[in-house]
Protein backbone atom coordinates (compact mmCIF):
# COMPACT_ATOMS: atom_id res chain seq x y z
CA MET A 1 -9.78 37.04 140.54
CA SER A 2 -9.44 39.58 143.32
CA PRO A 3 -12.40 41.88 143.91
CA PHE A 4 -11.77 45.61 143.67
CA ASP A 5 -8.50 45.07 141.82
CA ILE A 6 -7.77 48.57 140.49
CA GLN A 7 -5.52 47.31 137.68
CA ARG A 8 -8.19 44.85 136.48
CA MET A 9 -10.98 47.42 136.80
CA LEU A 10 -9.15 50.12 134.88
CA LEU A 11 -7.07 48.37 132.23
CA ASP A 12 -7.24 44.61 132.86
CA GLU A 13 -4.28 43.00 131.03
CA PHE A 14 -3.81 45.89 128.58
CA PRO A 15 -0.81 48.21 128.82
CA LEU A 16 -1.34 51.90 129.45
CA SER A 17 -0.36 52.66 125.84
CA PHE A 18 -3.54 50.83 124.69
CA LEU A 19 -5.47 53.97 125.66
CA LEU A 20 -3.83 55.71 122.71
CA GLU A 21 -5.19 53.01 120.43
CA VAL A 22 -8.64 53.51 121.96
CA VAL A 23 -8.37 57.19 121.08
CA LEU A 24 -7.50 56.25 117.50
CA ARG A 25 -10.33 53.72 117.29
CA ALA A 26 -12.86 56.20 118.72
CA ALA A 27 -11.73 58.85 116.26
CA PHE A 28 -12.10 56.34 113.41
CA ALA A 29 -15.62 55.42 114.55
CA PHE A 30 -16.60 59.08 114.90
CA LEU A 31 -15.25 59.91 111.45
CA ALA A 32 -16.96 56.90 109.87
CA VAL A 33 -20.37 57.77 111.37
CA PHE A 34 -19.93 61.43 110.44
CA LEU A 35 -19.01 60.59 106.83
CA PHE A 36 -21.94 58.17 106.60
CA LEU A 37 -24.46 60.77 107.78
CA LYS A 38 -22.86 63.41 105.57
CA SER A 39 -22.99 61.15 102.52
CA SER A 40 -26.48 59.80 103.14
CA GLY A 41 -28.08 63.26 103.03
CA ARG A 42 -30.45 62.20 105.77
CA ARG A 43 -32.91 64.56 107.42
CA GLY A 44 -33.02 66.01 110.94
CA ILE A 45 -32.98 63.77 114.01
CA ARG A 46 -36.69 64.34 114.74
CA GLN A 47 -37.46 63.28 111.18
CA LEU A 48 -35.82 59.86 111.38
CA SER A 49 -37.94 57.09 109.91
CA LEU A 50 -37.93 53.56 111.32
CA PHE A 51 -35.58 52.49 108.53
CA GLU A 52 -33.14 55.31 109.26
CA LEU A 53 -33.27 54.54 112.97
CA VAL A 54 -32.30 50.93 112.29
CA VAL A 55 -29.35 52.13 110.21
CA ILE A 56 -28.22 54.53 112.95
CA LEU A 57 -28.46 51.82 115.63
CA THR A 58 -26.42 49.45 113.45
CA LEU A 59 -23.82 52.16 112.95
CA GLY A 60 -23.69 52.77 116.68
CA SER A 61 -23.13 49.09 117.39
CA ALA A 62 -20.29 48.85 114.87
CA ALA A 63 -18.74 52.09 116.13
CA GLY A 64 -18.90 50.91 119.73
CA ASP A 65 -17.29 47.56 118.96
CA VAL A 66 -14.38 49.05 117.05
CA SER A 67 -13.83 51.69 119.73
CA PHE A 68 -13.51 49.38 122.73
CA TYR A 69 -12.55 45.89 121.59
CA HIS A 70 -8.91 45.38 120.70
CA ASP A 71 -9.66 42.25 118.65
CA VAL A 72 -12.01 44.08 116.25
CA PRO A 73 -9.96 45.16 113.20
CA LEU A 74 -10.67 48.47 111.52
CA LEU A 75 -10.96 47.37 107.90
CA PRO A 76 -13.99 45.02 108.31
CA VAL A 77 -15.80 47.76 110.23
CA ALA A 78 -15.09 50.16 107.37
CA VAL A 79 -16.67 47.60 105.02
CA VAL A 80 -19.72 47.45 107.33
CA PHE A 81 -20.12 51.22 107.10
CA LEU A 82 -19.67 51.18 103.33
CA THR A 83 -22.22 48.37 102.95
CA LEU A 84 -24.76 50.24 105.06
CA LEU A 85 -24.24 53.37 102.99
CA VAL A 86 -24.81 51.47 99.73
CA LEU A 87 -27.92 49.77 101.14
CA TYR A 88 -29.23 53.10 102.38
CA ARG A 89 -28.69 54.80 99.03
CA MET A 90 -30.30 51.91 97.13
CA THR A 91 -33.32 51.90 99.45
CA VAL A 92 -33.80 55.66 99.09
CA LEU A 93 -33.54 55.32 95.29
CA ILE A 94 -36.21 52.60 95.22
CA MET A 95 -38.41 54.74 97.51
CA THR A 96 -38.27 57.59 95.01
CA LYS A 97 -39.45 55.20 92.27
CA SER A 98 -42.17 53.36 94.18
CA LYS A 99 -44.73 55.03 96.44
CA ARG A 100 -45.88 51.66 97.71
CA PHE A 101 -42.36 50.72 98.76
CA GLU A 102 -41.90 54.16 100.35
CA SER A 103 -45.10 53.68 102.37
CA TRP A 104 -43.93 50.25 103.49
CA ILE A 105 -40.53 51.56 104.61
CA ASP A 106 -41.48 54.94 106.07
CA GLY A 107 -45.12 54.28 106.92
CA VAL A 108 -47.98 56.72 106.32
CA PRO A 109 -49.60 59.38 108.52
CA VAL A 110 -52.42 58.00 110.67
CA THR A 111 -55.59 59.96 111.45
CA VAL A 112 -56.25 59.84 115.22
CA ILE A 113 -58.77 62.70 115.52
CA LYS A 114 -61.45 63.56 112.98
CA ASN A 115 -64.21 66.13 113.39
CA GLY A 116 -63.52 66.43 117.10
CA LEU A 117 -63.70 62.68 117.80
CA TYR A 118 -61.08 60.02 118.42
CA GLU A 119 -60.50 57.54 115.60
CA LEU A 120 -60.37 54.48 117.86
CA LYS A 121 -59.07 51.93 115.34
CA SER A 122 -56.29 54.32 114.33
CA LEU A 123 -55.29 54.86 117.97
CA GLU A 124 -54.89 51.10 118.36
CA GLN A 125 -52.84 51.01 115.16
CA VAL A 126 -50.29 53.63 116.27
CA ASN A 127 -50.10 52.13 119.78
CA ILE A 128 -50.25 55.51 121.53
CA SER A 129 -51.70 55.80 125.04
CA SER A 130 -54.53 58.23 125.71
CA SER A 131 -52.47 60.08 128.31
CA GLU A 132 -49.62 60.57 125.81
CA LEU A 133 -52.01 61.84 123.15
CA LEU A 134 -53.70 64.23 125.60
CA MET A 135 -50.30 65.58 126.62
CA GLU A 136 -49.43 66.25 122.97
CA LEU A 137 -52.76 68.04 122.47
CA ARG A 138 -52.28 70.23 125.54
CA GLN A 139 -48.78 71.16 124.42
CA GLN A 140 -50.26 72.47 121.18
CA GLY A 141 -52.81 74.65 122.97
CA VAL A 142 -55.83 72.34 122.73
CA GLU A 143 -58.38 72.50 125.56
CA HIS A 144 -60.97 70.10 124.15
CA LEU A 145 -61.42 67.87 121.11
CA GLY A 146 -64.13 70.07 119.62
CA GLN A 147 -61.43 72.52 118.58
CA VAL A 148 -59.66 69.93 116.41
CA ARG A 149 -60.87 69.25 112.87
CA LEU A 150 -58.11 66.77 112.08
CA GLY A 151 -55.25 65.19 114.02
CA LEU A 152 -52.53 63.12 112.36
CA VAL A 153 -49.67 61.07 113.78
CA GLU A 154 -46.86 61.62 111.29
CA THR A 155 -44.37 58.94 110.24
CA ASP A 156 -41.75 60.43 112.59
CA GLY A 157 -44.12 60.28 115.57
CA ASP A 158 -44.99 63.98 115.66
CA ILE A 159 -48.67 64.97 115.87
CA SER A 160 -50.03 67.49 113.36
CA LEU A 161 -53.28 69.29 114.24
CA TYR A 162 -55.70 71.21 112.03
CA PHE A 163 -58.11 73.45 113.91
CA TYR A 164 -61.64 74.60 113.28
CA GLU A 165 -62.18 78.28 112.72
CA PRO A 166 -63.35 79.92 115.98
CA GLN A 167 -66.94 80.20 114.76
CA ASP A 168 -67.01 76.48 113.82
CA ILE A 169 -65.70 75.03 117.11
CA GLN A 170 -67.92 72.26 118.47
CA PRO A 171 -68.51 71.04 122.03
CA GLY A 172 -65.85 68.50 122.87
CA LEU A 173 -64.14 66.27 125.39
CA SER A 174 -61.70 68.03 127.71
CA VAL A 175 -58.07 67.01 127.24
CA LEU A 176 -57.08 68.15 130.73
CA PRO A 177 -55.73 65.64 133.29
CA LEU A 178 -58.20 63.87 135.56
CA GLU A 179 -57.59 66.27 138.45
CA HIS A 180 -58.97 69.04 136.24
CA ARG A 181 -61.99 67.20 134.88
CA THR A 182 -64.59 64.89 136.41
CA GLU A 183 -65.80 61.61 134.95
CA TYR A 184 -69.25 60.16 135.60
CA HIS A 185 -71.11 56.89 135.18
CA ILE A 186 -74.37 58.62 136.10
CA ALA A 187 -75.05 62.20 134.98
CA PRO A 188 -75.14 64.50 138.03
CA ALA A 189 -77.19 67.11 136.16
CA SER A 190 -78.95 67.56 132.84
CA ALA A 191 -76.27 68.78 130.45
CA LEU A 192 -74.13 67.96 127.43
CA TYR A 193 -71.51 65.30 128.12
CA CYS A 194 -68.79 63.62 126.05
CA CYS A 195 -67.81 59.97 126.02
CA VAL A 196 -64.40 59.71 127.65
CA ASN A 197 -63.36 56.87 125.34
CA CYS A 198 -64.20 58.34 121.92
CA GLY A 199 -65.27 61.96 122.53
CA LEU A 200 -68.85 61.68 121.21
CA PRO A 201 -71.09 64.43 122.67
CA ARG A 202 -74.53 63.52 124.02
CA ASP A 203 -77.25 65.22 126.05
CA LEU A 204 -77.86 63.36 129.30
CA GLN A 205 -80.56 63.91 131.85
CA GLN A 206 -79.89 64.10 135.58
CA GLY A 207 -79.46 60.60 137.00
CA GLN A 208 -79.22 59.01 133.57
CA HIS A 209 -76.89 56.08 132.99
CA ALA A 210 -76.06 55.70 129.29
CA ARG A 211 -73.86 53.80 126.89
CA CYS A 212 -72.06 55.53 124.05
CA VAL A 213 -73.64 54.59 120.71
CA ARG A 214 -70.25 54.93 119.02
CA CYS A 215 -67.99 52.82 121.25
CA ASP A 216 -70.37 51.24 123.81
CA LYS A 217 -68.54 52.71 126.81
CA GLU A 218 -70.29 54.14 129.89
CA VAL A 219 -67.97 56.85 131.24
CA TRP A 220 -68.79 60.52 130.52
CA SER A 221 -67.30 63.93 131.19
CA THR A 222 -68.91 67.35 130.92
CA ALA A 223 -68.48 68.75 127.41
CA LEU A 224 -66.51 71.97 126.98
CA THR A 225 -67.81 74.62 124.63
CA THR A 226 -65.09 77.29 124.71
CA ARG A 227 -64.66 79.15 121.42
CA ARG A 228 -60.96 79.91 121.94
CA CYS A 229 -58.97 77.89 119.42
CA ARG A 230 -55.33 78.51 120.34
């Protein structure tokens, strides 16, 4: 093999006319994926469940193989697409009949914030980092956890928030990045602080070192009490 061989790099042993077959194969793959998605009646891209994502990835693999590899015949790939469509339709049908099966396939919403506090076990369950969650909260106009009555991670990964009415907002943990909030192990002044790990508010005296009674952590940040909800 000669390095930087232009013929090998561009076409290898295939004739130039093989590019026309590639065009045909790519068009076949595109049409097959399009017809599958059209027939499946699936939802929007941001609403893909884990099951639907697996189906799409399988389709992409089959479409890629038939597009580029000359030794992959078209008819078996068409059978792959047809099989996936039948499996998809059967799974959706079973999901409409069984809520338990639907929950197993699609998952269920997970509560990550309740009454202005983190639900720590739920956060571990959804495997979402605190920085990612805080970013999502900021993007929805949240300044501190005390504004949020309920926060849910939906089955498609989106976060749904339900806010307190302005008059019901509680003191809460700031969701701003570290450069915009200060964390303490020892309270610099007598004030209301929030546990950085779970959000629990607590009055601390100047110079006090305390553990959170909810999560046993020792890092605190000054509680915010703004009454602006959005």
